[in-house]
C-alpha atoms as a PDB file:
ATOM      1  CA  MET A   1      11.387 -16.153   0.131  1.00  0.00           C
ATOM      2  CA  SER A   2      11.412 -19.059   2.446  1.00  0.00           C
ATOM      3  CA  ALA A   3       8.643 -21.900   3.224  1.00  0.00           C
ATOM      4  CA  GLU A   4       8.329 -20.253   6.744  1.00  0.00           C
ATOM      5  CA  ASP A   5       7.583 -16.906   4.970  1.00  0.00           C
ATOM      6  CA  LEU A   6       4.915 -18.445   2.785  1.00  0.00           C
ATOM      7  CA  GLU A   7       3.374 -20.159   5.629  1.00  0.00           C
ATOM      8  CA  ALA A   8       3.255 -17.129   8.007  1.00  0.00           C
ATOM      9  CA  VAL A   9       1.471 -15.287   5.193  1.00  0.00           C
ATOM     10  CA  ALA A  10      -0.726 -18.317   4.747  1.00  0.00           C
ATOM     11  CA  ALA A  11      -1.489 -17.945   8.486  1.00  0.00           C
ATOM     12  CA  GLN A  12      -2.105 -14.164   7.966  1.00  0.00           C
ATOM     13  CA  LEU A  13      -4.650 -14.552   5.005  1.00  0.00           C
ATOM     14  CA  GLY A  14      -6.374 -17.506   6.538  1.00  0.00           C
ATOM     15  CA  ARG A  15      -5.618 -19.524   2.896  1.00  0.00           C
ATOM     16  CA  ASP A  16      -3.064 -20.693   0.739  1.00  0.00           C
ATOM     17  CA  PRO A  17      -1.024 -17.395  -0.904  1.00  0.00           C
ATOM     18  CA  ARG A  18      -1.122 -17.480  -4.943  1.00  0.00           C
ATOM     19  CA  GLY A  19       1.128 -16.045  -7.092  1.00  0.00           C
ATOM     20  CA  VAL A  20       3.639 -14.608  -4.337  1.00  0.00           C
ATOM     21  CA  LEU A  21       6.737 -13.433  -5.877  1.00  0.00           C
ATOM     22  CA  ALA A  22       8.400 -12.149  -2.846  1.00  0.00           C
ATOM     23  CA  ILE A  23       7.734 -10.382   0.609  1.00  0.00           C
ATOM     24  CA  ALA A  24       7.677  -6.742  -0.487  1.00  0.00           C
ATOM     25  CA  TYR A  25       7.310  -5.273   3.367  1.00  0.00           C
ATOM     26  CA  ARG A  26       8.429  -7.019   6.291  1.00  0.00           C
ATOM     27  CA  ALA A  27       7.315  -5.177   9.569  1.00  0.00           C
ATOM     28  CA  PRO A  28       9.862  -4.144  12.247  1.00  0.00           C
ATOM     29  CA  ASP A  29       8.800  -7.035  14.515  1.00  0.00           C
ATOM     30  CA  GLY A  30       9.738  -9.341  11.536  1.00  0.00           C
ATOM     31  CA  ALA A  31       6.097 -10.558  10.308  1.00  0.00           C
ATOM     32  CA  PRO A  32       5.640 -10.354   6.549  1.00  0.00           C
ATOM     33  CA  GLY A  33       3.143  -7.477   6.083  1.00  0.00           C
ATOM     34  CA  VAL A  34       3.121  -6.974   2.264  1.00  0.00           C
ATOM     35  CA  VAL A  35       3.681  -9.493  -0.537  1.00  0.00           C
ATOM     36  CA  LYS A  36       4.685  -8.906  -4.340  1.00  0.00           C
ATOM     37  CA  THR A  37       2.047 -10.804  -6.447  1.00  0.00           C
ATOM     38  CA  ALA A  38       2.732 -12.070  -9.990  1.00  0.00           C
ATOM     39  CA  PRO A  39       0.340 -10.132 -12.410  1.00  0.00           C
ATOM     40  CA  ARG A  40      -1.070 -13.606 -13.261  1.00  0.00           C
ATOM     41  CA  LEU A  41      -1.812 -16.112 -10.906  1.00  0.00           C
ATOM     42  CA  PRO A  42      -0.649 -19.610 -11.581  1.00  0.00           C
ATOM     43  CA  ASP A  43      -3.747 -20.785 -13.219  1.00  0.00           C
ATOM     44  CA  GLY A  44      -3.797 -17.522 -15.567  1.00  0.00           C
ATOM     45  CA  THR A  45      -6.203 -15.318 -14.056  1.00  0.00           C
ATOM     46  CA  PRO A  46      -5.232 -11.651 -14.063  1.00  0.00           C
ATOM     47  CA  PHE A  47      -4.291 -10.297 -10.719  1.00  0.00           C
ATOM     48  CA  PRO A  48      -3.731  -6.423 -11.061  1.00  0.00           C
ATOM     49  CA  THR A  49      -2.899  -6.172  -7.384  1.00  0.00           C
ATOM     50  CA  LEU A  50       1.039  -5.750  -7.338  1.00  0.00           C
ATOM     51  CA  TYR A  51       1.304  -5.326  -3.616  1.00  0.00           C
ATOM     52  CA  TYR A  52      -0.991  -7.340  -1.021  1.00  0.00           C
ATOM     53  CA  LEU A  53      -1.563  -6.316   2.384  1.00  0.00           C
ATOM     54  CA  THR A  54      -1.206  -9.386   4.544  1.00  0.00           C
ATOM     55  CA  ASP A  55      -0.569  -8.400   8.253  1.00  0.00           C
ATOM     56  CA  PRO A  56      -3.759  -8.536   9.930  1.00  0.00           C
ATOM     57  CA  ARG A  57      -2.910  -5.816  12.013  1.00  0.00           C
ATOM     58  CA  LEU A  58      -2.299  -3.417   9.181  1.00  0.00           C
ATOM     59  CA  THR A  59      -5.444  -4.955   7.371  1.00  0.00           C
ATOM     60  CA  ALA A  60      -7.685  -4.048  10.278  1.00  0.00           C
ATOM     61  CA  GLU A  61      -6.277  -0.590  10.370  1.00  0.00           C
ATOM     62  CA  ALA A  62      -6.888  -0.086   6.415  1.00  0.00           C
ATOM     63  CA  SER A  63     -10.569  -1.538   7.244  1.00  0.00           C
ATOM     64  CA  ARG A  64     -10.740   1.098   9.999  1.00  0.00           C
ATOM     65  CA  GLN A  65      -9.602   3.967   7.939  1.00  0.00           C
ATOM     66  CA  GLU A  66     -11.895   2.821   5.102  1.00  0.00           C
ATOM     67  CA  SER A  67     -14.995   2.782   7.681  1.00  0.00           C
ATOM     68  CA  ALA A  68     -14.173   6.424   9.411  1.00  0.00           C
ATOM     69  CA  GLY A  69     -14.554   7.960   5.785  1.00  0.00           C
ATOM     70  CA  VAL A  70     -10.663   8.496   4.918  1.00  0.00           C
ATOM     71  CA  MET A  71     -11.263   7.460   1.528  1.00  0.00           C
ATOM     72  CA  ARG A  72     -13.782   9.873   0.682  1.00  0.00           C
ATOM     73  CA  GLU A  73     -12.009  12.954   2.163  1.00  0.00           C
ATOM     74  CA  MET A  74      -8.907  11.953   0.156  1.00  0.00           C
ATOM     75  CA  THR A  75     -10.798  11.575  -2.951  1.00  0.00           C
ATOM     76  CA  GLU A  76     -12.259  15.200  -2.232  1.00  0.00           C
ATOM     77  CA  ARG A  77      -8.846  16.276  -1.796  1.00  0.00           C
ATOM     78  CA  LEU A  78      -7.722  14.862  -5.269  1.00  0.00           C
ATOM     79  CA  ALA A  79     -10.199  16.689  -7.074  1.00  0.00           C
ATOM     80  CA  ALA A  80      -9.202  19.947  -5.509  1.00  0.00           C
ATOM     81  CA  ASP A  81      -5.802  19.776  -5.265  1.00  0.00           C
ATOM     82  CA  PRO A  82      -3.646  19.332  -8.558  1.00  0.00           C
ATOM     83  CA  GLU A  83      -0.269  18.768  -7.120  1.00  0.00           C
ATOM     84  CA  LEU A  84      -1.558  15.793  -5.035  1.00  0.00           C
ATOM     85  CA  ALA A  85      -3.395  14.565  -7.840  1.00  0.00           C
ATOM     86  CA  ALA A  86      -0.120  14.844 -10.075  1.00  0.00           C
ATOM     87  CA  ALA A  87       1.687  13.235  -7.357  1.00  0.00           C
ATOM     88  CA  TYR A  88      -0.900  10.261  -7.123  1.00  0.00           C
ATOM     89  CA  ARG A  89      -0.767   9.812 -10.894  1.00  0.00           C
ATOM     90  CA  ARG A  90       2.931   9.690 -10.712  1.00  0.00           C
ATOM     91  CA  ALA A  91       2.352   6.648  -7.990  1.00  0.00           C
ATOM     92  CA  HIS A  92      -0.159   4.841 -10.610  1.00  0.00           C
ATOM     93  CA  GLU A  93       2.284   5.087 -13.327  1.00  0.00           C
ATOM     94  CA  SER A  94       5.120   3.736 -11.397  1.00  0.00           C
ATOM     95  CA  TYR A  95       3.073   1.114  -9.962  1.00  0.00           C
ATOM     96  CA  LEU A  96       1.664   0.332 -13.412  1.00  0.00           C
ATOM     97  CA  ALA A  97       5.238   0.369 -15.456  1.00  0.00           C
ATOM     98  CA  GLU A  98       6.742  -1.944 -12.283  1.00  0.00           C
ATOM     99  CA  ARG A  99       4.011  -4.548 -13.130  1.00  0.00           C
ATOM    100  CA  ASN A 100       4.264  -4.148 -16.503  1.00  0.00           C
ATOM    101  CA  GLU A 101       8.068  -5.195 -16.488  1.00  0.00           C
ATOM    102  CA  ILE A 102       6.830  -8.723 -14.708  1.00  0.00           C
ATOM    103  CA  ASP A 103       3.774  -9.142 -17.114  1.00  0.00           C
ATOM    104  CA  SER A 104       1.909  -6.728 -19.024  1.00  0.00           C
ATOM    105  CA  LEU A 105      -1.847  -7.487 -18.569  1.00  0.00           C
ATOM    106  CA  GLY A 106      -2.920  -4.954 -21.655  1.00  0.00           C
ATOM    107  CA  THR A 107      -4.813  -2.523 -18.989  1.00  0.00           C
ATOM    108  CA  ASP A 108      -3.775   0.474 -17.177  1.00  0.00           C
ATOM    109  CA  PHE A 109      -5.879  -0.455 -14.230  1.00  0.00           C
ATOM    110  CA  THR A 110      -3.463  -0.693 -11.303  1.00  0.00           C
ATOM    111  CA  GLY A 111      -5.495  -0.780  -7.824  1.00  0.00           C
ATOM    112  CA  GLY A 112      -6.601   1.242  -4.844  1.00  0.00           C
ATOM    113  CA  GLY A 113      -8.782   3.574  -7.205  1.00  0.00           C
ATOM    114  CA  MET A 114      -5.400   5.257  -8.937  1.00  0.00           C
ATOM    115  CA  PRO A 115      -4.952   7.450 -10.193  1.00  0.00           C
ATOM    116  CA  ASP A 116      -8.472   9.491 -10.137  1.00  0.00           C
ATOM    117  CA  ARG A 117     -10.274   8.344  -6.595  1.00  0.00           C
ATOM    118  CA  VAL A 118      -9.038   6.523  -3.548  1.00  0.00           C
ATOM    119  CA  LYS A 119     -10.956   3.037  -3.505  1.00  0.00           C
ATOM    120  CA  CYS A 120      -8.797   0.511  -1.248  1.00  0.00           C
ATOM    121  CA  LEU A 121      -6.737   1.887   1.259  1.00  0.00           C
ATOM    122  CA  HIS A 122      -5.366  -1.635   1.798  1.00  0.00           C
ATOM    123  CA  VAL A 123      -3.459  -1.368  -1.848  1.00  0.00           C
ATOM    124  CA  LEU A 124      -2.250   2.013  -1.082  1.00  0.00           C
ATOM    125  CA  MET A 125      -0.583   1.190   2.115  1.00  0.00           C
ATOM    126  CA  ALA A 126       0.897  -2.022   0.668  1.00  0.00           C
ATOM    127  CA  HIS A 127       2.101  -0.012  -2.261  1.00  0.00           C
ATOM    128  CA  SER A 128       3.821   2.643   0.385  1.00  0.00           C
ATOM    129  CA  LEU A 129       5.206   0.333   2.913  1.00  0.00           C
ATOM    130  CA  ALA A 130       6.705  -1.695   0.070  1.00  0.00           C
ATOM    131  CA  LYS A 131       8.343   1.133  -1.756  1.00  0.00           C
ATOM    132  CA  GLY A 132       8.826   3.393   1.366  1.00  0.00           C
ATOM    133  CA  PRO A 133       7.484   6.892   1.724  1.00  0.00           C
ATOM    134  CA  GLY A 134       7.866   9.455  -1.085  1.00  0.00           C
ATOM    135  CA  VAL A 135       6.201   7.238  -3.902  1.00  0.00           C
ATOM    136  CA  ASN A 136       2.565   7.288  -3.114  1.00  0.00           C
ATOM    137  CA  PRO A 137       1.442  10.197  -1.226  1.00  0.00           C
ATOM    138  CA  LEU A 138      -2.143   9.053  -0.014  1.00  0.00           C
ATOM    139  CA  GLY A 139      -0.472   5.850   0.949  1.00  0.00           C
ATOM    140  CA  ASP A 140       1.981   7.328   2.675  1.00  0.00           C
ATOM    141  CA  GLU A 141      -0.915   9.437   4.661  1.00  0.00           C
ATOM    142  CA  SER A 142      -2.604   6.154   5.434  1.00  0.00           C
ATOM    143  CA  VAL A 143       0.480   4.637   6.684  1.00  0.00           C
ATOM    144  CA  ALA A 144       1.440   7.537   8.596  1.00  0.00           C
ATOM    145  CA  LEU A 145      -2.324   7.917  10.301  1.00  0.00           C
ATOM    146  CA  ALA A 146      -1.951   4.182  11.256  1.00  0.00           C
ATOM    147  CA  ALA A 147       1.262   4.850  12.847  1.00  0.00           C
ATOM    148  CA  THR A 148      -0.327   7.367  15.214  1.00  0.00           C
ATOM    149  CA  GLY A 149      -1.380   4.733  17.285  1.00  0.00           C
ATOM    150  CA  LYS A 150       0.288   1.378  18.597  1.00  0.00           C
ATOM    151  CA  LEU A 151       1.359   0.102  15.153  1.00  0.00           C
ATOM    152  CA  ARG A 152       4.433   2.302  15.064  1.00  0.00           C
ATOM    153  CA  GLY A 153       7.782   0.335  15.636  1.00  0.00           C
ATOM    154  CA  THR A 154       5.597  -2.968  15.425  1.00  0.00           C
ATOM    155  CA  ALA A 155       3.878  -3.227  12.500  1.00  0.00           C
ATOM    156  CA  ILE A 156       4.965   0.271  10.927  1.00  0.00           C
ATOM    157  CA  PRO A 157       8.718   1.247  10.696  1.00  0.00           C
ATOM    158  CA  ALA A 158       9.360   3.515  14.033  1.00  0.00           C
ATOM    159  CA  ASP A 159      10.908   6.068  11.508  1.00  0.00           C
ATOM    160  CA  TRP A 160       8.008   6.568   9.230  1.00  0.00           C
ATOM    161  CA  PRO A 161       7.272  10.383   8.492  1.00  0.00           C
ATOM    162  CA  GLU A 162       4.539  11.686  11.128  1.00  0.00           C
ATOM    163  CA  TYR A 163       0.846  12.248  10.135  1.00  0.00           C
ATOM    164  CA  GLN A 164       0.389  15.742   8.967  1.00  0.00           C
ATOM    165  CA  GLY A 165      -3.235  15.584   8.324  1.00  0.00           C
ATOM    166  CA  PRO A 166      -5.308  16.636   5.354  1.00  0.00           C
ATOM    167  CA  GLU A 167      -3.974  20.160   4.998  1.00  0.00           C
ATOM    168  CA  GLY A 168      -0.304  18.577   4.530  1.00  0.00           C
ATOM    169  CA  GLY A 169       2.686  20.288   5.879  1.00  0.00           C
ATOM    170  CA  ARG A 170       6.244  19.019   6.252  1.00  0.00           C
ATOM    171  CA  ALA A 171       6.738  15.745   8.183  1.00  0.00           C
ATOM    172  CA  GLU A 172       9.807  15.061  10.356  1.00  0.00           C
ATOM    173  CA  GLY A 173      12.586  14.400   8.711  1.00  0.00           C
ATOM    174  CA  ASP A 174      11.494  15.697   5.337  1.00  0.00           C
ATOM    175  CA  ALA A 175      13.998  18.111   3.387  1.00  0.00           C
ATOM    176  CA  GLU A 176      13.356  21.952   3.267  1.00  0.00           C
END
């Protein structure tokens, strides 16, 4: 990670970034999009959000989806779909294990509402963009929903799986 990257993230956030370990995702146009942060900030404050969305285009889209009720609908589906709930729990466990490898906070809280509800699409999108499709099903869905507009190919990879809607179905390129 370069000084230029940190300056770009500071400009995106409107403040100096804290505890940044790496750029975890870079948009196709080269802009930092997600940072990986230390579980403890430099002053020792616990910071459980391992992946933090920084690109203003993505943060605006996550906020738009939240305002549109996407989180509520996803949470309802979690309660009704055991397979989705199990996949979301695996995402939570993966996130927690990765964070604990850096520094255990002594908590099983991860972020975004995982594993029982959807509380923050910013965290879920950041996780999916940092890890790629197939790790966090609801983060993947939120990114795919964002990619239905002008963000595909600029802030989101052009080859991100297509949005399939809440009813599911295979996205383009999925194995049979």
